[in-house]
Amino acid sequence: AGQLPAIVNGLGNLSVGLSNTVRQGTGSRMSVSFTPVDAFPSDGRFIITLVGAGFACSDNTAVTFVSPAGGSGSVSISAGLVLSLQLSGGAFSAGGLVQFWFGGVTNPAMNQSAVQDLAAVTTTSSGQVVGGSVTGQLPAIVNGLGNLSVGLSNAVRQGTGILMTVSFTPVDTFPGNGRLIVTLVGA
């Protein structure tokens, strides 16, 4: 007799973000968010397949929960592909936003396209699947700009008529009609 997989409710709006999407980037911050249709236990697990093997972090890296308050746990990435969050506290209710982040991530060595069909599940501590998704999003991993530099002709506070110079050495061809977006820190 054959077996059928469990049919479960989904994980809405599953999204994985990175503070740095450059290939071989180190020290990146990975953020994950989703909205479970069903509640899952505070000692359960969240498991996600990261398409494009090569992600890494230290085993049992502590996570910081943005939501729910009181959420706690740690993550590991096995085989550069499977992210596992072991929960150790919090109330994960049906329809409640789950959002957490952790640092120390190393990105894959190769470029990869953005993914719109990321697979993930929530489980009980014994491994019984509670919810799942196959519609998650993961950003593209790309080549870096190399040696990005921003200079100012005058660094005096509230100065006027300042010339800003931006220079970089692209790894890939940069299109003539493309855009360069630089986020300036500070206000």
Protein backbone atom coordinates (compact mmCIF):
# COMPACT_ATOMS: atom_id res chain seq x y z
CA ALA A 1 0.00 0.00 0.00
CA GLY A 2 1.32 3.43 -0.93
CA GLN A 3 1.40 6.53 1.21
CA LEU A 4 0.07 10.00 0.55
CA PRO A 5 1.65 13.12 2.05
CA ALA A 6 -0.28 15.07 4.67
CA ILE A 7 -2.49 17.85 3.33
CA VAL A 8 -1.91 20.93 5.49
CA ASN A 9 -2.78 24.60 5.59
CA GLY A 10 -0.31 27.13 4.27
CA LEU A 11 2.22 29.66 5.45
CA GLY A 12 1.15 32.97 3.96
CA ASN A 13 3.56 35.56 2.60
CA LEU A 14 6.73 33.52 3.16
CA SER A 15 9.73 35.71 2.46
CA VAL A 16 13.47 35.40 3.08
CA GLY A 17 15.61 38.54 2.87
CA LEU A 18 19.35 39.19 3.06
CA SER A 19 21.16 42.34 4.15
CA ASN A 20 23.77 41.52 1.49
CA THR A 21 22.95 39.63 -1.71
CA VAL A 22 26.49 39.54 -3.10
CA ARG A 23 27.85 36.08 -3.84
CA GLN A 24 30.34 34.90 -1.20
CA GLY A 25 29.18 37.76 1.02
CA THR A 26 29.96 37.13 4.68
CA GLY A 27 28.37 38.41 7.86
CA SER A 28 25.01 38.86 6.14
CA ARG A 29 21.81 39.18 8.13
CA MET A 30 19.02 36.83 7.02
CA SER A 31 15.44 37.78 7.84
CA VAL A 32 12.46 35.46 7.52
CA SER A 33 8.76 36.26 7.76
CA PHE A 34 5.51 34.38 7.23
CA THR A 35 1.95 34.18 8.53
CA PRO A 36 0.89 30.65 9.53
CA VAL A 37 -2.71 29.61 8.86
CA ASP A 38 -2.53 27.25 11.87
CA ALA A 39 -0.89 27.74 15.25
CA PHE A 40 2.25 25.71 15.87
CA PRO A 41 3.97 24.80 19.14
CA SER A 42 6.62 26.90 20.86
CA ASP A 43 8.97 23.89 20.86
CA GLY A 44 8.33 23.09 17.20
CA ARG A 45 10.47 23.67 14.13
CA PHE A 46 10.43 25.78 10.99
CA ILE A 47 12.29 24.18 8.08
CA ILE A 48 12.94 25.88 4.74
CA THR A 49 14.81 24.71 1.64
CA LEU A 50 17.09 27.49 0.42
CA VAL A 51 17.36 27.01 -3.34
CA GLY A 52 20.95 27.24 -4.58
CA ALA A 53 23.14 25.37 -2.12
CA GLY A 54 25.90 27.30 -0.46
CA PHE A 55 24.37 29.28 2.40
CA ALA A 56 26.11 28.81 5.75
CA CYS A 57 25.97 29.96 9.37
CA SER A 58 27.26 28.61 12.65
CA ASP A 59 25.25 25.74 14.13
CA ASN A 60 22.68 26.83 16.69
CA THR A 61 22.91 30.53 15.86
CA ALA A 62 20.53 32.49 18.09
CA VAL A 63 17.71 34.30 16.33
CA THR A 64 16.05 37.59 17.23
CA PHE A 65 12.28 37.60 16.94
CA VAL A 66 10.57 40.79 15.80
CA SER A 67 7.23 38.98 16.11
CA PRO A 68 5.83 37.34 18.15
CA ALA A 69 7.12 38.97 21.30
CA GLY A 70 8.81 36.36 23.45
CA GLY A 71 9.73 34.15 20.50
CA SER A 72 13.08 32.39 20.83
CA GLY A 73 15.08 29.73 19.09
CA SER A 74 18.22 28.96 17.13
CA VAL A 75 19.01 28.11 13.50
CA SER A 76 21.39 25.90 11.60
CA ILE A 77 21.90 25.47 7.86
CA SER A 78 22.73 21.92 6.79
CA ALA A 79 24.38 21.03 3.48
CA GLY A 80 24.26 24.73 2.55
CA LEU A 81 20.63 24.18 1.67
CA VAL A 82 18.24 23.42 4.56
CA LEU A 83 17.58 26.10 7.17
CA SER A 84 16.16 24.68 10.40
CA LEU A 85 14.83 26.87 13.18
CA GLN A 86 14.40 25.03 16.49
CA LEU A 87 11.96 27.01 18.61
CA SER A 88 12.43 27.28 22.37
CA GLY A 89 9.70 29.72 23.34
CA GLY A 90 6.92 32.04 22.22
CA ALA A 91 3.29 31.80 21.18
CA PHE A 92 2.89 31.12 17.45
CA SER A 93 -0.80 31.65 16.80
CA ALA A 94 -2.88 31.16 13.68
CA GLY A 95 -2.81 34.29 11.52
CA GLY A 96 -0.09 35.95 13.62
CA LEU A 97 2.98 37.35 11.86
CA VAL A 98 6.18 35.39 12.50
CA GLN A 99 9.29 37.44 11.78
CA PHE A 100 12.86 36.76 12.89
CA TRP A 101 16.44 37.45 11.83
CA PHE A 102 19.94 36.22 12.53
CA GLY A 103 23.43 37.26 11.50
CA GLY A 104 26.66 35.60 10.48
CA VAL A 105 25.33 34.20 7.18
CA THR A 106 27.70 33.39 4.32
CA ASN A 107 26.11 33.57 0.87
CA PRO A 108 26.59 30.99 -1.90
CA ALA A 109 29.73 31.19 -4.06
CA MET A 110 27.74 31.21 -7.29
CA ASN A 111 25.16 33.65 -8.65
CA GLN A 112 21.55 32.50 -8.59
CA SER A 113 18.25 33.95 -9.75
CA ALA A 114 15.56 35.15 -7.39
CA VAL A 115 13.23 32.36 -6.31
CA GLN A 116 9.43 32.58 -6.07
CA ASP A 117 8.71 28.95 -5.11
CA LEU A 118 10.61 28.43 -1.87
CA ALA A 119 9.39 25.39 0.09
CA ALA A 120 8.98 25.45 3.89
CA VAL A 121 7.10 23.69 6.70
CA THR A 122 6.30 24.20 10.36
CA THR A 123 6.33 21.07 12.51
CA THR A 124 5.76 19.84 16.02
CA SER A 125 8.82 18.84 18.07
CA SER A 126 8.26 15.23 16.92
CA GLY A 127 8.31 16.25 13.25
CA GLN A 128 4.59 16.17 12.44
CA VAL A 129 3.93 18.78 9.72
CA VAL A 130 1.57 21.58 10.83
CA GLY A 131 1.75 23.97 7.86
CA GLY A 132 3.60 24.35 4.59
CA SER A 133 4.36 26.64 1.67
CA VAL A 134 5.76 26.34 -1.83
CA THR A 135 5.39 30.01 -2.73
CA GLY A 136 8.15 31.62 -0.67
CA GLN A 137 10.54 34.25 -2.02
CA LEU A 138 14.34 34.41 -1.86
CA PRO A 139 16.36 37.28 -3.43
CA ALA A 140 18.88 36.77 -6.21
CA ILE A 141 22.55 36.24 -5.33
CA VAL A 142 24.66 38.47 -7.57
CA ASN A 143 28.20 39.61 -8.26
CA GLY A 144 29.37 42.60 -6.25
CA LEU A 145 30.26 46.08 -7.39
CA GLY A 146 33.79 45.84 -6.01
CA ASN A 147 35.51 48.79 -4.38
CA LEU A 148 32.44 51.03 -4.13
CA SER A 149 33.51 54.46 -2.98
CA VAL A 150 31.58 57.67 -2.28
CA GLY A 151 33.50 60.92 -1.86
CA LEU A 152 32.46 64.47 -1.01
CA SER A 153 34.21 67.66 -2.10
CA ASN A 154 33.34 69.20 1.28
CA ALA A 155 32.58 67.26 4.47
CA VAL A 156 31.54 70.29 6.54
CA ARG A 157 28.17 69.90 8.24
CA GLN A 158 25.38 71.80 6.43
CA GLY A 159 27.76 72.62 3.58
CA THR A 160 26.25 73.60 0.22
CA GLY A 161 27.29 73.16 -3.39
CA ILE A 162 29.02 69.89 -2.55
CA LEU A 163 30.17 67.58 -5.34
CA MET A 164 29.56 63.89 -4.65
CA THR A 165 31.73 61.38 -6.50
CA VAL A 166 30.71 57.71 -6.75
CA SER A 167 33.06 55.11 -8.19
CA PHE A 168 32.93 51.35 -8.49
CA THR A 169 34.39 48.50 -10.52
CA PRO A 170 31.57 46.22 -11.68
CA VAL A 171 32.24 42.51 -11.97
CA ASP A 172 29.57 42.22 -14.68
CA THR A 173 28.72 44.50 -17.60
CA PHE A 174 26.68 47.44 -16.36
CA PRO A 175 23.98 48.52 -18.88
CA GLY A 176 24.09 52.07 -20.21
CA ASN A 177 20.45 52.57 -19.27
CA GLY A 178 20.82 50.84 -15.88
CA ARG A 179 20.62 52.42 -12.44
CA LEU A 180 22.98 52.48 -9.49
CA ILE A 181 21.25 52.91 -6.15
CA VAL A 182 23.43 53.85 -3.19
CA THR A 183 21.91 54.09 0.28
CA LEU A 184 23.57 56.87 2.23
CA VAL A 185 23.68 56.25 5.97
CA GLY A 186 22.76 59.17 8.19
CA ALA A 187 20.24 61.95 7.80
